[in-house]
Amino acid sequence: MVSQKVKIINPTGLHLRPAGLFCTKALCFECKVTFLYKNAEANAKSVLSVLGACVKEGDEIEIICDGADEVKALEAMVELVESGLDE
């Protein structure tokens, strides 16, 4: 299991379009991809779970990857968030 904290920098947070991009990226990997926000765990491979977390600009989440390709998954997820989720 690997994890890293990352700050959400895009203006809309993890709302519909960015949440879709976040989930699409997570689905590219075999490992379990989740994130912690306000002491709650969300499934990064579920749009409803990501939207339900209500993550906004400036919030910090901890991305957690557990499985065969966990290192590659974590790198890709962190890079996506740090790039502003294409916004």
PDB file of N, CA and C in Angstrom:
ATOM      1  N   MET A   1       0.847  -1.186   0.000  1.00  0.00           N
ATOM      2  CA  MET A   1       0.000   0.000   0.000  1.00  0.00           C
ATOM      3  C   MET A   1       0.885   1.240   0.000  1.00  0.00           C
ATOM      4  N   VAL A   2       0.537   2.201  -0.846  1.00  0.00           N
ATOM      5  CA  VAL A   2       1.245   3.479  -0.906  1.00  0.00           C
ATOM      6  C   VAL A   2       0.211   4.596  -0.838  1.00  0.00           C
ATOM      7  N   SER A   3       0.630   5.742  -0.319  1.00  0.00           N
ATOM      8  CA  SER A   3      -0.303   6.871  -0.234  1.00  0.00           C
ATOM      9  C   SER A   3       0.460   8.186  -0.299  1.00  0.00           C
ATOM     10  N   GLN A   4      -0.264   9.229  -0.649  1.00  0.00           N
ATOM     11  CA  GLN A   4       0.320  10.574  -0.698  1.00  0.00           C
ATOM     12  C   GLN A   4      -0.788  11.596  -0.557  1.00  0.00           C
ATOM     13  N   LYS A   5      -0.493  12.650   0.191  1.00  0.00           N
ATOM     14  CA  LYS A   5      -1.436  13.754   0.323  1.00  0.00           C
ATOM     15  C   LYS A   5      -1.224  14.718  -0.824  1.00  0.00           C
ATOM     16  N   VAL A   6      -2.322  15.287  -1.305  1.00  0.00           N
ATOM     17  CA  VAL A   6      -2.257  16.230  -2.420  1.00  0.00           C
ATOM     18  C   VAL A   6      -3.367  17.261  -2.242  1.00  0.00           C
ATOM     19  N   LYS A   7      -3.073  18.493  -2.649  1.00  0.00           N
ATOM     20  CA  LYS A   7      -4.033  19.587  -2.516  1.00  0.00           C
ATOM     21  C   LYS A   7      -4.780  19.776  -3.834  1.00  0.00           C
ATOM     22  N   ILE A   8      -6.085  19.959  -3.742  1.00  0.00           N
ATOM     23  CA  ILE A   8      -6.921  20.198  -4.922  1.00  0.00           C
ATOM     24  C   ILE A   8      -6.747  21.656  -5.328  1.00  0.00           C
ATOM     25  N   ILE A   9      -6.268  21.886  -6.561  1.00  0.00           N
ATOM     26  CA  ILE A   9      -5.979  23.260  -6.983  1.00  0.00           C
ATOM     27  C   ILE A   9      -6.953  23.788  -8.029  1.00  0.00           C
ATOM     28  N   ASN A  10      -7.728  22.901  -8.651  1.00  0.00           N
ATOM     29  CA  ASN A  10      -8.638  23.401  -9.679  1.00  0.00           C
ATOM     30  C   ASN A  10      -9.821  24.114  -9.029  1.00  0.00           C
ATOM     31  N   PRO A  11     -10.344  25.161  -9.662  1.00  0.00           N
ATOM     32  CA  PRO A  11     -11.369  26.025  -9.067  1.00  0.00           C
ATOM     33  C   PRO A  11     -12.684  25.332  -8.716  1.00  0.00           C
ATOM     34  N   THR A  12     -13.028  24.264  -9.404  1.00  0.00           N
ATOM     35  CA  THR A  12     -14.318  23.621  -9.133  1.00  0.00           C
ATOM     36  C   THR A  12     -14.208  22.420  -8.205  1.00  0.00           C
ATOM     37  N   GLY A  13     -13.008  22.110  -7.734  1.00  0.00           N
ATOM     38  CA  GLY A  13     -12.843  20.947  -6.864  1.00  0.00           C
ATOM     39  C   GLY A  13     -13.145  19.669  -7.636  1.00  0.00           C
ATOM     40  N   LEU A  14     -13.581  18.639  -6.918  1.00  0.00           N
ATOM     41  CA  LEU A  14     -13.912  17.367  -7.570  1.00  0.00           C
ATOM     42  C   LEU A  14     -15.405  17.322  -7.883  1.00  0.00           C
ATOM     43  N   HIS A  15     -15.847  18.225  -8.771  1.00  0.00           N
ATOM     44  CA  HIS A  15     -17.235  18.222  -9.221  1.00  0.00           C
ATOM     45  C   HIS A  15     -17.347  17.372 -10.472  1.00  0.00           C
ATOM     46  N   LEU A  16     -18.453  17.394 -11.160  1.00  0.00           N
ATOM     47  CA  LEU A  16     -18.781  16.387 -12.158  1.00  0.00           C
ATOM     48  C   LEU A  16     -17.687  16.089 -13.186  1.00  0.00           C
ATOM     49  N   ARG A  17     -17.246  17.067 -13.953  1.00  0.00           N
ATOM     50  CA  ARG A  17     -16.254  16.775 -14.992  1.00  0.00           C
ATOM     51  C   ARG A  17     -14.919  16.335 -14.391  1.00  0.00           C
ATOM     52  N   PRO A  18     -14.365  17.070 -13.420  1.00  0.00           N
ATOM     53  CA  PRO A  18     -13.106  16.617 -12.817  1.00  0.00           C
ATOM     54  C   PRO A  18     -13.250  15.264 -12.107  1.00  0.00           C
ATOM     55  N   ALA A  19     -14.389  15.015 -11.493  1.00  0.00           N
ATOM     56  CA  ALA A  19     -14.615  13.724 -10.830  1.00  0.00           C
ATOM     57  C   ALA A  19     -14.613  12.602 -11.859  1.00  0.00           C
ATOM     58  N   GLY A  20     -15.176  12.857 -13.028  1.00  0.00           N
ATOM     59  CA  GLY A  20     -15.179  11.875 -14.099  1.00  0.00           C
ATOM     60  C   GLY A  20     -13.768  11.565 -14.573  1.00  0.00           C
ATOM     61  N   LEU A  21     -12.948  12.602 -14.721  1.00  0.00           N
ATOM     62  CA  LEU A  21     -11.550  12.408 -15.117  1.00  0.00           C
ATOM     63  C   LEU A  21     -10.782  11.625 -14.051  1.00  0.00           C
ATOM     64  N   PHE A  22     -11.038  11.962 -12.800  1.00  0.00           N
ATOM     65  CA  PHE A  22     -10.390  11.303 -11.663  1.00  0.00           C
ATOM     66  C   PHE A  22     -10.727   9.807 -11.666  1.00  0.00           C
ATOM     67  N   CYS A  23     -11.997   9.490 -11.849  1.00  0.00           N
ATOM     68  CA  CYS A  23     -12.449   8.095 -11.876  1.00  0.00           C
ATOM     69  C   CYS A  23     -11.908   7.355 -13.096  1.00  0.00           C
ATOM     70  N   THR A  24     -11.950   7.988 -14.240  1.00  0.00           N
ATOM     71  CA  THR A  24     -11.449   7.361 -15.461  1.00  0.00           C
ATOM     72  C   THR A  24      -9.986   6.976 -15.304  1.00  0.00           C
ATOM     73  N   LYS A  25      -9.190   7.856 -14.696  1.00  0.00           N
ATOM     74  CA  LYS A  25      -7.775   7.559 -14.470  1.00  0.00           C
ATOM     75  C   LYS A  25      -7.635   6.396 -13.488  1.00  0.00           C
ATOM     76  N   ALA A  26      -8.400   6.412 -12.407  1.00  0.00           N
ATOM     77  CA  ALA A  26      -8.311   5.344 -11.401  1.00  0.00           C
ATOM     78  C   ALA A  26      -8.682   3.986 -11.988  1.00  0.00           C
ATOM     79  N   LEU A  27      -9.639   3.977 -12.906  1.00  0.00           N
ATOM     80  CA  LEU A  27     -10.080   2.728 -13.530  1.00  0.00           C
ATOM     81  C   LEU A  27      -9.032   2.115 -14.453  1.00  0.00           C
ATOM     82  N   CYS A  28      -7.999   2.855 -14.786  1.00  0.00           N
ATOM     83  CA  CYS A  28      -6.915   2.344 -15.644  1.00  0.00           C
ATOM     84  C   CYS A  28      -6.017   1.355 -14.903  1.00  0.00           C
ATOM     85  N   PHE A  29      -6.187   1.251 -13.609  1.00  0.00           N
ATOM     86  CA  PHE A  29      -5.289   0.435 -12.793  1.00  0.00           C
ATOM     87  C   PHE A  29      -6.034  -0.708 -12.114  1.00  0.00           C
ATOM     88  N   GLU A  30      -5.320  -1.814 -11.921  1.00  0.00           N
ATOM     89  CA  GLU A  30      -5.900  -2.990 -11.280  1.00  0.00           C
ATOM     90  C   GLU A  30      -6.055  -2.805  -9.776  1.00  0.00           C
ATOM     91  N   CYS A  31      -5.159  -2.054  -9.178  1.00  0.00           N
ATOM     92  CA  CYS A  31      -5.150  -1.920  -7.729  1.00  0.00           C
ATOM     93  C   CYS A  31      -6.371  -1.150  -7.228  1.00  0.00           C
ATOM     94  N   LYS A  32      -6.607  -1.278  -5.944  1.00  0.00           N
ATOM     95  CA  LYS A  32      -7.666  -0.512  -5.285  1.00  0.00           C
ATOM     96  C   LYS A  32      -7.175   0.931  -5.152  1.00  0.00           C
ATOM     97  N   VAL A  33      -8.002   1.885  -5.557  1.00  0.00           N
ATOM     98  CA  VAL A  33      -7.639   3.298  -5.463  1.00  0.00           C
ATOM     99  C   VAL A  33      -8.732   3.997  -4.662  1.00  0.00           C
ATOM    100  N   THR A  34      -8.351   4.550  -3.528  1.00  0.00           N
ATOM    101  CA  THR A  34      -9.293   5.276  -2.673  1.00  0.00           C
ATOM    102  C   THR A  34      -8.647   6.593  -2.268  1.00  0.00           C
ATOM    103  N   PHE A  35      -9.431   7.444  -1.600  1.00  0.00           N
ATOM    104  CA  PHE A  35      -8.835   8.642  -1.016  1.00  0.00           C
ATOM    105  C   PHE A  35      -9.538   8.971   0.281  1.00  0.00           C
ATOM    106  N   LEU A  36      -8.785   9.565   1.178  1.00  0.00           N
ATOM    107  CA  LEU A  36      -9.325   9.999   2.467  1.00  0.00           C
ATOM    108  C   LEU A  36      -9.558  11.501   2.423  1.00  0.00           C
ATOM    109  N   TYR A  37     -10.708  11.904   2.927  1.00  0.00           N
ATOM    110  CA  TYR A  37     -11.037  13.321   3.029  1.00  0.00           C
ATOM    111  C   TYR A  37     -11.947  13.488   4.234  1.00  0.00           C
ATOM    112  N   LYS A  38     -11.537  14.325   5.163  1.00  0.00           N
ATOM    113  CA  LYS A  38     -12.300  14.555   6.398  1.00  0.00           C
ATOM    114  C   LYS A  38     -12.646  13.242   7.097  1.00  0.00           C
ATOM    115  N   ASN A  39     -11.643  12.398   7.275  1.00  0.00           N
ATOM    116  CA  ASN A  39     -11.779  11.123   7.985  1.00  0.00           C
ATOM    117  C   ASN A  39     -12.755  10.151   7.344  1.00  0.00           C
ATOM    118  N   ALA A  40     -13.088  10.351   6.083  1.00  0.00           N
ATOM    119  CA  ALA A  40     -13.958   9.423   5.357  1.00  0.00           C
ATOM    120  C   ALA A  40     -13.197   8.906   4.138  1.00  0.00           C
ATOM    121  N   GLU A  41     -13.422   7.647   3.815  1.00  0.00           N
ATOM    122  CA  GLU A  41     -12.760   7.048   2.661  1.00  0.00           C
ATOM    123  C   GLU A  41     -13.727   6.996   1.489  1.00  0.00           C
ATOM    124  N   ALA A  42     -13.241   7.379   0.307  1.00  0.00           N
ATOM    125  CA  ALA A  42     -14.056   7.362  -0.911  1.00  0.00           C
ATOM    126  C   ALA A  42     -13.385   6.474  -1.949  1.00  0.00           C
ATOM    127  N   ASN A  43     -14.189   5.787  -2.733  1.00  0.00           N
ATOM    128  CA  ASN A  43     -13.708   4.930  -3.810  1.00  0.00           C
ATOM    129  C   ASN A  43     -13.425   5.809  -5.026  1.00  0.00           C
ATOM    130  N   ALA A  44     -12.162   5.884  -5.433  1.00  0.00           N
ATOM    131  CA  ALA A  44     -11.783   6.738  -6.557  1.00  0.00           C
ATOM    132  C   ALA A  44     -12.282   6.200  -7.896  1.00  0.00           C
ATOM    133  N   LYS A  45     -12.769   4.962  -7.913  1.00  0.00           N
ATOM    134  CA  LYS A  45     -13.267   4.366  -9.150  1.00  0.00           C
ATOM    135  C   LYS A  45     -14.778   4.520  -9.300  1.00  0.00           C
ATOM    136  N   SER A  46     -15.398   5.257  -8.389  1.00  0.00           N
ATOM    137  CA  SER A  46     -16.844   5.486  -8.427  1.00  0.00           C
ATOM    138  C   SER A  46     -17.136   6.985  -8.470  1.00  0.00           C
ATOM    139  N   VAL A  47     -17.758   7.437  -9.538  1.00  0.00           N
ATOM    140  CA  VAL A  47     -18.081   8.860  -9.670  1.00  0.00           C
ATOM    141  C   VAL A  47     -18.973   9.312  -8.510  1.00  0.00           C
ATOM    142  N   LEU A  48     -19.943   8.497  -8.148  1.00  0.00           N
ATOM    143  CA  LEU A  48     -20.845   8.876  -7.051  1.00  0.00           C
ATOM    144  C   LEU A  48     -20.091   9.014  -5.730  1.00  0.00           C
ATOM    145  N   SER A  49     -19.147   8.122  -5.499  1.00  0.00           N
ATOM    146  CA  SER A  49     -18.350   8.194  -4.276  1.00  0.00           C
ATOM    147  C   SER A  49     -17.488   9.454  -4.263  1.00  0.00           C
ATOM    148  N   VAL A  50     -16.884   9.773  -5.398  1.00  0.00           N
ATOM    149  CA  VAL A  50     -16.040  10.972  -5.495  1.00  0.00           C
ATOM    150  C   VAL A  50     -16.883  12.232  -5.316  1.00  0.00           C
ATOM    151  N   LEU A  51     -18.010  12.295  -5.996  1.00  0.00           N
ATOM    152  CA  LEU A  51     -18.895  13.462  -5.873  1.00  0.00           C
ATOM    153  C   LEU A  51     -19.427  13.598  -4.448  1.00  0.00           C
ATOM    154  N   GLY A  52     -19.739  12.474  -3.833  1.00  0.00           N
ATOM    155  CA  GLY A  52     -20.286  12.471  -2.477  1.00  0.00           C
ATOM    156  C   GLY A  52     -19.325  12.989  -1.428  1.00  0.00           C
ATOM    157  N   ALA A  53     -18.032  12.965  -1.726  1.00  0.00           N
ATOM    158  CA  ALA A  53     -17.038  13.463  -0.773  1.00  0.00           C
ATOM    159  C   ALA A  53     -17.060  14.990  -0.674  1.00  0.00           C
ATOM    160  N   CYS A  54     -17.605  15.659  -1.687  1.00  0.00           N
ATOM    161  CA  CYS A  54     -17.727  17.133  -1.699  1.00  0.00           C
ATOM    162  C   CYS A  54     -16.381  17.841  -1.502  1.00  0.00           C
ATOM    163  N   VAL A  55     -15.391  17.418  -2.277  1.00  0.00           N
ATOM    164  CA  VAL A  55     -14.058  18.017  -2.191  1.00  0.00           C
ATOM    165  C   VAL A  55     -14.032  19.308  -2.997  1.00  0.00           C
ATOM    166  N   LYS A  56     -13.543  20.378  -2.362  1.00  0.00           N
ATOM    167  CA  LYS A  56     -13.517  21.697  -2.987  1.00  0.00           C
ATOM    168  C   LYS A  56     -12.083  22.178  -3.199  1.00  0.00           C
ATOM    169  N   GLU A  57     -11.944  23.253  -3.955  1.00  0.00           N
ATOM    170  CA  GLU A  57     -10.629  23.866  -4.176  1.00  0.00           C
ATOM    171  C   GLU A  57      -9.973  24.186  -2.835  1.00  0.00           C
ATOM    172  N   GLY A  58      -8.697  23.856  -2.727  1.00  0.00           N
ATOM    173  CA  GLY A  58      -7.940  24.132  -1.511  1.00  0.00           C
ATOM    174  C   GLY A  58      -7.967  22.996  -0.499  1.00  0.00           C
ATOM    175  N   ASP A  59      -8.858  22.028  -0.680  1.00  0.00           N
ATOM    176  CA  ASP A  59      -8.922  20.889   0.230  1.00  0.00           C
ATOM    177  C   ASP A  59      -7.761  19.935  -0.033  1.00  0.00           C
ATOM    178  N   GLU A  60      -7.359  19.212   0.997  1.00  0.00           N
ATOM    179  CA  GLU A  60      -6.302  18.220   0.864  1.00  0.00           C
ATOM    180  C   GLU A  60      -6.904  16.827   1.002  1.00  0.00           C
ATOM    181  N   ILE A  61      -6.532  15.945   0.079  1.00  0.00           N
ATOM    182  CA  ILE A  61      -6.964  14.555   0.149  1.00  0.00           C
ATOM    183  C   ILE A  61      -5.723  13.673   0.215  1.00  0.00           C
ATOM    184  N   GLU A  62      -5.889  12.479   0.744  1.00  0.00           N
ATOM    185  CA  GLU A  62      -4.805  11.500   0.743  1.00  0.00           C
ATOM    186  C   GLU A  62      -5.208  10.368  -0.180  1.00  0.00           C
ATOM    187  N   ILE A  63      -4.488  10.219  -1.275  1.00  0.00           N
ATOM    188  CA  ILE A  63      -4.761   9.159  -2.236  1.00  0.00           C
ATOM    189  C   ILE A  63      -4.043   7.896  -1.767  1.00  0.00           C
ATOM    190  N   ILE A  64      -4.779   6.775  -1.755  1.00  0.00           N
ATOM    191  CA  ILE A  64      -4.244   5.501  -1.285  1.00  0.00           C
ATOM    192  C   ILE A  64      -4.414   4.460  -2.391  1.00  0.00           C
ATOM    193  N   CYS A  65      -3.334   3.793  -2.747  1.00  0.00           N
ATOM    194  CA  CYS A  65      -3.370   2.746  -3.767  1.00  0.00           C
ATOM    195  C   CYS A  65      -2.836   1.461  -3.149  1.00  0.00           C
ATOM    196  N   ASP A  66      -3.543   0.366  -3.392  1.00  0.00           N
ATOM    197  CA  ASP A  66      -3.169  -0.910  -2.797  1.00  0.00           C
ATOM    198  C   ASP A  66      -3.375  -2.030  -3.801  1.00  0.00           C
ATOM    199  N   GLY A  67      -2.268  -2.618  -4.268  1.00  0.00           N
ATOM    200  CA  GLY A  67      -2.365  -3.717  -5.216  1.00  0.00           C
ATOM    201  C   GLY A  67      -1.153  -3.791  -6.128  1.00  0.00           C
ATOM    202  N   ALA A  68      -1.286  -4.586  -7.163  1.00  0.00           N
ATOM    203  CA  ALA A  68      -0.168  -4.915  -8.051  1.00  0.00           C
ATOM    204  C   ALA A  68       0.515  -3.700  -8.676  1.00  0.00           C
ATOM    205  N   ASP A  69      -0.258  -2.754  -9.170  1.00  0.00           N
ATOM    206  CA  ASP A  69       0.324  -1.590  -9.859  1.00  0.00           C
ATOM    207  C   ASP A  69       0.171  -0.308  -9.041  1.00  0.00           C
ATOM    208  N   GLU A  70       0.250  -0.451  -7.730  1.00  0.00           N
ATOM    209  CA  GLU A  70      -0.024   0.665  -6.821  1.00  0.00           C
ATOM    210  C   GLU A  70       0.891   1.872  -7.012  1.00  0.00           C
ATOM    211  N   VAL A  71       2.171   1.645  -7.274  1.00  0.00           N
ATOM    212  CA  VAL A  71       3.110   2.768  -7.418  1.00  0.00           C
ATOM    213  C   VAL A  71       2.775   3.584  -8.665  1.00  0.00           C
ATOM    214  N   LYS A  72       2.547   2.913  -9.785  1.00  0.00           N
ATOM    215  CA  LYS A  72       2.183   3.613 -11.024  1.00  0.00           C
ATOM    216  C   LYS A  72       0.855   4.339 -10.855  1.00  0.00           C
ATOM    217  N   ALA A  73      -0.081   3.697 -10.186  1.00  0.00           N
ATOM    218  CA  ALA A  73      -1.397   4.309  -9.976  1.00  0.00           C
ATOM    219  C   ALA A  73      -1.276   5.578  -9.138  1.00  0.00           C
ATOM    220  N   LEU A  74      -0.529   5.510  -8.061  1.00  0.00           N
ATOM    221  CA  LEU A  74      -0.374   6.684  -7.196  1.00  0.00           C
ATOM    222  C   LEU A  74       0.280   7.829  -7.953  1.00  0.00           C
ATOM    223  N   GLU A  75       1.330   7.531  -8.698  1.00  0.00           N
ATOM    224  CA  GLU A  75       2.012   8.574  -9.475  1.00  0.00           C
ATOM    225  C   GLU A  75       1.045   9.235 -10.455  1.00  0.00           C
ATOM    226  N   ALA A  76       0.251   8.438 -11.147  1.00  0.00           N
ATOM    227  CA  ALA A  76      -0.682   8.971 -12.141  1.00  0.00           C
ATOM    228  C   ALA A  76      -1.782   9.799 -11.492  1.00  0.00           C
ATOM    229  N   MET A  77      -2.311   9.331 -10.377  1.00  0.00           N
ATOM    230  CA  MET A  77      -3.397  10.051  -9.707  1.00  0.00           C
ATOM    231  C   MET A  77      -2.901  11.389  -9.143  1.00  0.00           C
ATOM    232  N   VAL A  78      -1.736  11.368  -8.529  1.00  0.00           N
ATOM    233  CA  VAL A  78      -1.166  12.609  -7.969  1.00  0.00           C
ATOM    234  C   VAL A  78      -0.868  13.595  -9.097  1.00  0.00           C
ATOM    235  N   GLU A  79      -0.298  13.109 -10.194  1.00  0.00           N
ATOM    236  CA  GLU A  79       0.010  13.972 -11.330  1.00  0.00           C
ATOM    237  C   GLU A  79      -1.258  14.609 -11.888  1.00  0.00           C
ATOM    238  N   LEU A  80      -2.326  13.839 -11.972  1.00  0.00           N
ATOM    239  CA  LEU A  80      -3.598  14.364 -12.477  1.00  0.00           C
ATOM    240  C   LEU A  80      -4.125  15.489 -11.590  1.00  0.00           C
ATOM    241  N   VAL A  81      -4.112  15.269 -10.284  1.00  0.00           N
ATOM    242  CA  VAL A  81      -4.604  16.290  -9.347  1.00  0.00           C
ATOM    243  C   VAL A  81      -3.706  17.528  -9.386  1.00  0.00           C
ATOM    244  N   GLU A  82      -2.403  17.314  -9.385  1.00  0.00           N
ATOM    245  CA  GLU A  82      -1.474  18.454  -9.381  1.00  0.00           C
ATOM    246  C   GLU A  82      -1.515  19.236 -10.690  1.00  0.00           C
ATOM    247  N   SER A  83      -1.998  18.623 -11.756  1.00  0.00           N
ATOM    248  CA  SER A  83      -2.127  19.325 -13.037  1.00  0.00           C
ATOM    249  C   SER A  83      -3.403  20.170 -13.085  1.00  0.00           C
ATOM    250  N   GLY A  84      -4.230  20.084 -12.044  1.00  0.00           N
ATOM    251  CA  GLY A  84      -5.461  20.849 -12.007  1.00  0.00           C
ATOM    252  C   GLY A  84      -6.633  20.137 -12.669  1.00  0.00           C
ATOM    253  N   LEU A  85      -6.494  18.828 -12.875  1.00  0.00           N
ATOM    254  CA  LEU A  85      -7.563  18.025 -13.469  1.00  0.00           C
ATOM    255  C   LEU A  85      -8.031  18.608 -14.808  1.00  0.00           C
ATOM    256  N   ASP A  86      -7.054  19.049 -15.585  1.00  0.00           N
ATOM    257  CA  ASP A  86      -7.302  19.597 -16.933  1.00  0.00           C
ATOM    258  C   ASP A  86      -8.232  20.794 -16.957  1.00  0.00           C
ATOM    259  N   GLU A  87      -8.234  21.582 -15.891  1.00  0.00           N
ATOM    260  CA  GLU A  87      -9.045  22.802 -15.888  1.00  0.00           C
ATOM    261  C   GLU A  87      -8.167  24.019 -15.923  1.00  0.00           C
TER     262      GLU A  87
END
